[in-house]
Amino acid sequence: MNLDFDKLDGLVAAVIQDHSTGRVLMVGFMNEEAFRQTVETGDVTFFSRSRQKIWVKGETSGHRLKVREISTDCDRDAVLVKVDALGPGVCHEGYQSCFFRRLEDGRWIESEPRAFDPQAVYPATNKSGDVQKGGE
């Protein structure tokens, strides 16, 4: 589909944005297979760099991202995917968006309350309660 997967070693960056609010929810990466699956199924699908495999957002949590619109940048090495987010949040730390920290006076602060308990949603958590590296 004429995306440039060569610049990032077979990947394109995928910015995920809430279709109704415009809020950026997360950023991930797609290889050609993940992009094709996203287009064909309407469920946002990524390529996990840490696990070296395809994964569908929400396959563990049920918090799926349903595609409403896909755009690409001028270089065709990134996509903007506008979605309907199904569930209280997309962040594996329990927030509505992965962008829940804001820089204030040189410090990162949590700028919103948790939307859900990640330990209740994700079975593969480490001692600090974070999902093991690689997301869902």
N, C-alpha and C. Protein backbone atom coordinates (compact mmCIF):
# COMPACT_ATOMS: atom_id res chain seq x y z
N MET A 1 0.83 -1.20 0.00
CA MET A 1 0.00 0.00 0.00
C MET A 1 0.86 1.25 0.00
N ASN A 2 2.06 1.12 -0.55
CA ASN A 2 2.96 2.24 -0.79
C ASN A 2 3.46 2.96 0.46
N LEU A 3 3.57 2.26 1.57
CA LEU A 3 4.23 2.84 2.74
C LEU A 3 5.71 2.49 2.67
N ASP A 4 6.55 3.33 3.27
CA ASP A 4 7.99 3.10 3.25
C ASP A 4 8.41 2.38 4.54
N PHE A 5 8.48 1.07 4.45
CA PHE A 5 8.86 0.25 5.60
C PHE A 5 10.38 0.12 5.74
N ASP A 6 11.13 0.68 4.81
CA ASP A 6 12.59 0.52 4.81
C ASP A 6 13.31 1.45 5.78
N LYS A 7 12.79 2.64 6.04
CA LYS A 7 13.49 3.63 6.86
C LYS A 7 13.69 3.17 8.30
N LEU A 8 12.72 2.43 8.83
CA LEU A 8 12.80 1.96 10.22
C LEU A 8 12.96 0.44 10.28
N ASP A 9 13.80 -0.08 9.41
CA ASP A 9 14.09 -1.53 9.41
C ASP A 9 12.83 -2.40 9.34
N GLY A 10 11.96 -2.08 8.40
CA GLY A 10 10.77 -2.90 8.17
C GLY A 10 9.54 -2.44 8.93
N LEU A 11 9.62 -1.29 9.57
CA LEU A 11 8.50 -0.80 10.39
C LEU A 11 8.09 0.61 9.96
N VAL A 12 6.86 0.97 10.33
CA VAL A 12 6.42 2.36 10.30
C VAL A 12 5.90 2.70 11.68
N ALA A 13 6.08 3.95 12.09
CA ALA A 13 5.51 4.41 13.35
C ALA A 13 4.01 4.56 13.17
N ALA A 14 3.26 4.21 14.21
CA ALA A 14 1.80 4.32 14.17
C ALA A 14 1.32 5.14 15.36
N VAL A 15 0.85 6.35 15.07
CA VAL A 15 0.29 7.22 16.11
C VAL A 15 -1.20 6.91 16.18
N ILE A 16 -1.66 6.59 17.39
CA ILE A 16 -3.06 6.21 17.58
C ILE A 16 -3.78 7.37 18.27
N GLN A 17 -4.85 7.86 17.63
CA GLN A 17 -5.57 9.03 18.11
C GLN A 17 -7.05 8.71 18.26
N ASP A 18 -7.65 9.18 19.35
CA ASP A 18 -9.08 9.01 19.55
C ASP A 18 -9.83 9.81 18.49
N HIS A 19 -10.69 9.14 17.75
CA HIS A 19 -11.41 9.78 16.65
C HIS A 19 -12.31 10.92 17.12
N SER A 20 -12.97 10.76 18.24
CA SER A 20 -13.93 11.77 18.68
C SER A 20 -13.29 12.93 19.45
N THR A 21 -12.23 12.67 20.22
CA THR A 21 -11.65 13.75 21.04
C THR A 21 -10.37 14.33 20.46
N GLY A 22 -9.70 13.59 19.60
CA GLY A 22 -8.43 14.04 19.05
C GLY A 22 -7.24 13.76 19.95
N ARG A 23 -7.46 13.17 21.10
CA ARG A 23 -6.37 12.87 22.03
C ARG A 23 -5.49 11.74 21.49
N VAL A 24 -4.17 11.92 21.58
CA VAL A 24 -3.25 10.85 21.21
C VAL A 24 -3.28 9.82 22.33
N LEU A 25 -3.53 8.58 21.97
CA LEU A 25 -3.66 7.51 22.96
C LEU A 25 -2.37 6.73 23.14
N MET A 26 -1.67 6.49 22.05
CA MET A 26 -0.43 5.71 22.13
C MET A 26 0.32 5.81 20.81
N VAL A 27 1.55 5.31 20.83
CA VAL A 27 2.36 5.19 19.63
C VAL A 27 2.92 3.77 19.61
N GLY A 28 2.85 3.14 18.48
CA GLY A 28 3.39 1.80 18.33
C GLY A 28 4.06 1.69 16.97
N PHE A 29 4.37 0.47 16.59
CA PHE A 29 5.02 0.22 15.30
C PHE A 29 4.28 -0.88 14.57
N MET A 30 4.26 -0.78 13.26
CA MET A 30 3.65 -1.79 12.41
C MET A 30 4.65 -2.22 11.35
N ASN A 31 4.71 -3.53 11.11
CA ASN A 31 5.40 -4.01 9.92
C ASN A 31 4.32 -4.16 8.84
N GLU A 32 4.71 -4.65 7.67
CA GLU A 32 3.73 -4.76 6.58
C GLU A 32 2.56 -5.66 6.95
N GLU A 33 2.86 -6.77 7.63
CA GLU A 33 1.80 -7.70 8.01
C GLU A 33 0.83 -7.07 9.00
N ALA A 34 1.35 -6.36 10.00
CA ALA A 34 0.49 -5.71 11.00
C ALA A 34 -0.37 -4.63 10.34
N PHE A 35 0.22 -3.88 9.42
CA PHE A 35 -0.56 -2.85 8.73
C PHE A 35 -1.67 -3.50 7.90
N ARG A 36 -1.32 -4.51 7.15
CA ARG A 36 -2.31 -5.20 6.31
C ARG A 36 -3.44 -5.78 7.18
N GLN A 37 -3.08 -6.38 8.31
CA GLN A 37 -4.09 -6.95 9.20
C GLN A 37 -4.98 -5.86 9.78
N THR A 38 -4.39 -4.72 10.11
CA THR A 38 -5.17 -3.58 10.62
C THR A 38 -6.21 -3.15 9.59
N VAL A 39 -5.78 -3.01 8.35
CA VAL A 39 -6.68 -2.59 7.27
C VAL A 39 -7.78 -3.63 7.04
N GLU A 40 -7.39 -4.89 7.02
CA GLU A 40 -8.35 -5.96 6.70
C GLU A 40 -9.36 -6.22 7.81
N THR A 41 -8.92 -6.14 9.08
CA THR A 41 -9.82 -6.49 10.20
C THR A 41 -10.49 -5.30 10.85
N GLY A 42 -9.88 -4.12 10.75
CA GLY A 42 -10.41 -2.95 11.43
C GLY A 42 -9.99 -2.88 12.89
N ASP A 43 -9.20 -3.84 13.35
CA ASP A 43 -8.64 -3.84 14.71
C ASP A 43 -7.17 -3.43 14.60
N VAL A 44 -6.75 -2.43 15.39
CA VAL A 44 -5.37 -1.98 15.31
C VAL A 44 -4.44 -3.11 15.75
N THR A 45 -3.48 -3.38 14.89
CA THR A 45 -2.53 -4.47 15.08
C THR A 45 -1.12 -3.90 14.98
N PHE A 46 -0.25 -4.32 15.88
CA PHE A 46 1.11 -3.80 15.93
C PHE A 46 2.12 -4.92 15.74
N PHE A 47 3.37 -4.51 15.59
CA PHE A 47 4.49 -5.44 15.64
C PHE A 47 5.26 -5.12 16.91
N SER A 48 5.40 -6.08 17.79
CA SER A 48 6.15 -5.91 19.02
C SER A 48 7.63 -6.05 18.73
N ARG A 49 8.39 -4.99 18.94
CA ARG A 49 9.83 -5.04 18.71
C ARG A 49 10.52 -5.92 19.75
N SER A 50 10.04 -5.91 20.98
CA SER A 50 10.68 -6.71 22.03
C SER A 50 10.39 -8.20 21.88
N ARG A 51 9.18 -8.54 21.47
CA ARG A 51 8.81 -9.95 21.33
C ARG A 51 8.95 -10.45 19.90
N GLN A 52 9.19 -9.52 18.95
CA GLN A 52 9.34 -9.87 17.54
C GLN A 52 8.14 -10.65 17.02
N LYS A 53 6.95 -10.11 17.31
CA LYS A 53 5.75 -10.77 16.81
C LYS A 53 4.60 -9.77 16.68
N ILE A 54 3.60 -10.17 15.92
CA ILE A 54 2.38 -9.39 15.71
C ILE A 54 1.51 -9.49 16.95
N TRP A 55 0.86 -8.39 17.32
CA TRP A 55 -0.13 -8.44 18.40
C TRP A 55 -1.26 -7.46 18.13
N VAL A 56 -2.45 -7.86 18.49
CA VAL A 56 -3.64 -7.04 18.32
C VAL A 56 -3.89 -6.31 19.63
N LYS A 57 -4.00 -5.00 19.58
CA LYS A 57 -4.29 -4.23 20.78
C LYS A 57 -5.62 -4.70 21.34
N GLY A 58 -5.61 -5.08 22.59
CA GLY A 58 -6.82 -5.55 23.25
C GLY A 58 -6.95 -7.05 23.32
N GLU A 59 -5.97 -7.79 22.79
CA GLU A 59 -6.10 -9.25 22.80
C GLU A 59 -6.06 -9.81 24.22
N THR A 60 -5.44 -9.11 25.15
CA THR A 60 -5.43 -9.53 26.55
C THR A 60 -6.47 -8.77 27.36
N SER A 61 -6.48 -7.46 27.21
CA SER A 61 -7.33 -6.60 28.04
C SER A 61 -8.77 -6.52 27.57
N GLY A 62 -9.00 -6.74 26.29
CA GLY A 62 -10.32 -6.51 25.71
C GLY A 62 -10.53 -5.05 25.32
N HIS A 63 -9.56 -4.20 25.59
CA HIS A 63 -9.64 -2.78 25.27
C HIS A 63 -9.16 -2.57 23.84
N ARG A 64 -10.00 -2.90 22.90
CA ARG A 64 -9.62 -2.86 21.49
C ARG A 64 -9.67 -1.45 20.92
N LEU A 65 -8.98 -1.29 19.81
CA LEU A 65 -8.98 -0.03 19.06
C LEU A 65 -9.57 -0.33 17.69
N LYS A 66 -10.74 0.24 17.41
CA LYS A 66 -11.42 0.02 16.15
C LYS A 66 -11.09 1.18 15.20
N VAL A 67 -10.58 0.84 14.04
CA VAL A 67 -10.13 1.84 13.07
C VAL A 67 -11.31 2.63 12.50
N ARG A 68 -11.14 3.94 12.49
CA ARG A 68 -12.10 4.82 11.82
C ARG A 68 -11.49 5.46 10.57
N GLU A 69 -10.17 5.74 10.63
CA GLU A 69 -9.51 6.42 9.52
C GLU A 69 -8.00 6.21 9.62
N ILE A 70 -7.34 6.05 8.49
CA ILE A 70 -5.89 5.92 8.46
C ILE A 70 -5.32 6.94 7.48
N SER A 71 -4.32 7.68 7.94
CA SER A 71 -3.60 8.65 7.09
C SER A 71 -2.12 8.35 7.18
N THR A 72 -1.35 8.86 6.22
CA THR A 72 0.10 8.74 6.29
C THR A 72 0.72 10.11 6.14
N ASP A 73 1.97 10.23 6.58
CA ASP A 73 2.68 11.50 6.46
C ASP A 73 3.27 11.62 5.06
N CYS A 74 3.89 12.77 4.80
CA CYS A 74 4.42 13.05 3.46
C CYS A 74 5.52 12.08 3.04
N ASP A 75 6.26 11.54 3.99
CA ASP A 75 7.32 10.57 3.67
C ASP A 75 6.82 9.13 3.61
N ARG A 76 5.59 8.93 3.99
CA ARG A 76 4.97 7.60 4.03
C ARG A 76 5.72 6.61 4.91
N ASP A 77 6.33 7.13 6.00
CA ASP A 77 7.02 6.24 6.94
C ASP A 77 6.37 6.26 8.32
N ALA A 78 5.20 6.87 8.41
CA ALA A 78 4.42 6.89 9.65
C ALA A 78 2.94 6.95 9.27
N VAL A 79 2.11 6.39 10.15
CA VAL A 79 0.67 6.46 9.94
C VAL A 79 -0.01 7.06 11.16
N LEU A 80 -1.10 7.74 10.89
CA LEU A 80 -1.98 8.25 11.94
C LEU A 80 -3.25 7.44 11.84
N VAL A 81 -3.58 6.74 12.92
CA VAL A 81 -4.77 5.88 12.93
C VAL A 81 -5.76 6.47 13.91
N LYS A 82 -6.88 6.95 13.39
CA LYS A 82 -7.94 7.48 14.25
C LYS A 82 -8.86 6.31 14.58
N VAL A 83 -9.17 6.20 15.88
CA VAL A 83 -9.87 5.00 16.37
C VAL A 83 -11.02 5.34 17.31
N ASP A 84 -11.87 4.35 17.48
CA ASP A 84 -12.80 4.32 18.60
C ASP A 84 -12.16 3.37 19.60
N ALA A 85 -11.87 3.88 20.79
CA ALA A 85 -11.24 3.06 21.83
C ALA A 85 -12.33 2.36 22.63
N LEU A 86 -12.32 1.03 22.64
CA LEU A 86 -13.30 0.24 23.37
C LEU A 86 -12.68 -0.17 24.70
N GLY A 87 -13.19 0.35 25.77
CA GLY A 87 -12.64 0.07 27.09
C GLY A 87 -12.27 1.37 27.78
N PRO A 88 -11.92 1.28 29.06
CA PRO A 88 -11.64 2.49 29.83
C PRO A 88 -10.29 3.13 29.53
N GLY A 89 -9.38 2.40 28.90
CA GLY A 89 -8.07 2.97 28.63
C GLY A 89 -7.24 2.06 27.76
N VAL A 90 -6.16 2.62 27.21
CA VAL A 90 -5.28 1.83 26.34
C VAL A 90 -3.92 1.56 26.96
N CYS A 91 -3.56 2.31 27.99
CA CYS A 91 -2.23 2.19 28.56
C CYS A 91 -2.13 0.97 29.47
N HIS A 92 -1.03 0.21 29.33
CA HIS A 92 -0.85 -0.98 30.15
C HIS A 92 -0.60 -0.64 31.62
N GLU A 93 -0.41 0.65 31.92
CA GLU A 93 -0.28 1.07 33.33
C GLU A 93 -1.62 1.50 33.91
N GLY A 94 -2.70 1.39 33.12
CA GLY A 94 -4.04 1.64 33.64
C GLY A 94 -4.62 3.00 33.33
N TYR A 95 -4.04 3.73 32.40
CA TYR A 95 -4.52 5.07 32.08
C TYR A 95 -5.26 5.07 30.75
N GLN A 96 -6.07 6.12 30.55
CA GLN A 96 -6.82 6.25 29.31
C GLN A 96 -5.87 6.36 28.12
N SER A 97 -4.79 7.10 28.28
CA SER A 97 -3.79 7.31 27.24
C SER A 97 -2.42 6.96 27.80
N CYS A 98 -1.52 6.54 26.93
CA CYS A 98 -0.14 6.32 27.36
C CYS A 98 0.56 7.64 27.69
N PHE A 99 -0.01 8.74 27.27
CA PHE A 99 0.56 10.06 27.52
C PHE A 99 -0.11 10.69 28.73
N PHE A 100 0.10 10.09 29.89
CA PHE A 100 -0.50 10.56 31.13
C PHE A 100 0.46 11.33 32.01
N ARG A 101 1.71 11.44 31.58
CA ARG A 101 2.70 12.22 32.34
C ARG A 101 2.96 13.54 31.63
N ARG A 102 3.02 14.61 32.42
CA ARG A 102 3.27 15.95 31.88
C ARG A 102 4.48 16.55 32.58
N LEU A 103 5.33 17.21 31.84
CA LEU A 103 6.51 17.85 32.41
C LEU A 103 6.13 19.18 33.03
N GLU A 104 6.35 19.30 34.33
CA GLU A 104 6.08 20.54 35.06
C GLU A 104 7.26 20.85 35.95
N ASP A 105 7.82 22.04 35.76
CA ASP A 105 8.96 22.48 36.57
C ASP A 105 10.09 21.45 36.57
N GLY A 106 10.35 20.85 35.41
CA GLY A 106 11.45 19.91 35.28
C GLY A 106 11.17 18.52 35.82
N ARG A 107 9.91 18.24 36.23
CA ARG A 107 9.56 16.91 36.75
C ARG A 107 8.37 16.36 35.99
N TRP A 108 8.36 15.06 35.83
CA TRP A 108 7.22 14.39 35.21
C TRP A 108 6.18 14.10 36.28
N ILE A 109 4.96 14.57 36.07
CA ILE A 109 3.88 14.32 37.02
C ILE A 109 2.75 13.56 36.32
N GLU A 110 2.06 12.72 37.07
CA GLU A 110 0.89 12.05 36.53
C GLU A 110 -0.22 13.08 36.46
N SER A 111 -0.76 13.28 35.27
CA SER A 111 -1.70 14.37 35.05
C SER A 111 -3.16 13.93 35.02
N GLU A 112 -3.40 12.66 35.34
CA GLU A 112 -4.78 12.16 35.36
C GLU A 112 -4.84 10.92 36.24
N PRO A 113 -6.03 10.58 36.71
CA PRO A 113 -6.16 9.36 37.52
C PRO A 113 -6.16 8.12 36.64
N ARG A 114 -5.85 6.99 37.23
CA ARG A 114 -5.93 5.72 36.50
C ARG A 114 -7.38 5.46 36.10
N ALA A 115 -7.54 4.86 34.92
CA ALA A 115 -8.86 4.53 34.41
C ALA A 115 -9.28 3.11 34.77
N PHE A 116 -8.27 2.25 35.05
CA PHE A 116 -8.56 0.87 35.42
C PHE A 116 -7.35 0.30 36.16
N ASP A 117 -7.58 -0.80 36.86
CA ASP A 117 -6.52 -1.47 37.60
C ASP A 117 -5.79 -2.43 36.65
N PRO A 118 -4.53 -2.14 36.29
CA PRO A 118 -3.84 -3.01 35.33
C PRO A 118 -3.61 -4.43 35.84
N GLN A 119 -3.46 -4.62 37.14
CA GLN A 119 -3.25 -5.97 37.67
C GLN A 119 -4.48 -6.84 37.50
N ALA A 120 -5.66 -6.22 37.47
CA ALA A 120 -6.89 -6.98 37.28
C ALA A 120 -7.11 -7.33 35.81
N VAL A 121 -6.45 -6.61 34.90
CA VAL A 121 -6.67 -6.78 33.47
C VAL A 121 -5.60 -7.63 32.81
N TYR A 122 -4.35 -7.43 33.21
CA TYR A 122 -3.23 -8.10 32.57
C TYR A 122 -2.65 -9.18 33.48
N PRO A 123 -2.67 -10.43 33.05
CA PRO A 123 -2.16 -11.51 33.90
C PRO A 123 -0.64 -11.52 34.03
N ALA A 124 0.08 -11.00 33.04
CA ALA A 124 1.55 -11.05 33.05
C ALA A 124 2.12 -9.75 33.59
N THR A 125 2.03 -9.56 34.90
CA THR A 125 2.56 -8.34 35.49
C THR A 125 3.80 -8.66 36.30
N ASN A 126 4.69 -7.69 36.42
CA ASN A 126 5.89 -7.89 37.23
C ASN A 126 5.64 -7.40 38.64
N LYS A 127 6.65 -7.37 39.48
CA LYS A 127 6.48 -7.02 40.88
C LYS A 127 5.96 -5.60 41.09
N SER A 128 6.28 -4.68 40.17
CA SER A 128 5.82 -3.30 40.32
C SER A 128 4.42 -3.11 39.76
N GLY A 129 3.83 -4.17 39.16
CA GLY A 129 2.49 -4.06 38.62
C GLY A 129 2.45 -3.68 37.16
N ASP A 130 3.60 -3.49 36.53
CA ASP A 130 3.64 -3.14 35.12
C ASP A 130 3.57 -4.41 34.27
N VAL A 131 2.89 -4.31 33.15
CA VAL A 131 2.85 -5.43 32.22
C VAL A 131 4.26 -5.67 31.72
N GLN A 132 4.62 -6.93 31.58
CA GLN A 132 5.95 -7.26 31.09
C GLN A 132 6.21 -6.54 29.77
N LYS A 133 7.44 -6.19 29.53
CA LYS A 133 7.83 -5.43 28.36
C LYS A 133 7.21 -6.02 27.10
N GLY A 134 6.63 -5.12 26.29
CA GLY A 134 6.03 -5.56 25.04
C GLY A 134 4.54 -5.35 24.99
N GLY A 135 3.94 -4.77 26.04
CA GLY A 135 2.51 -4.48 25.99
C GLY A 135 1.67 -5.71 26.28
N GLU A 136 0.57 -5.80 25.57
CA GLU A 136 -0.40 -6.86 25.83
C GLU A 136 0.11 -8.21 25.43
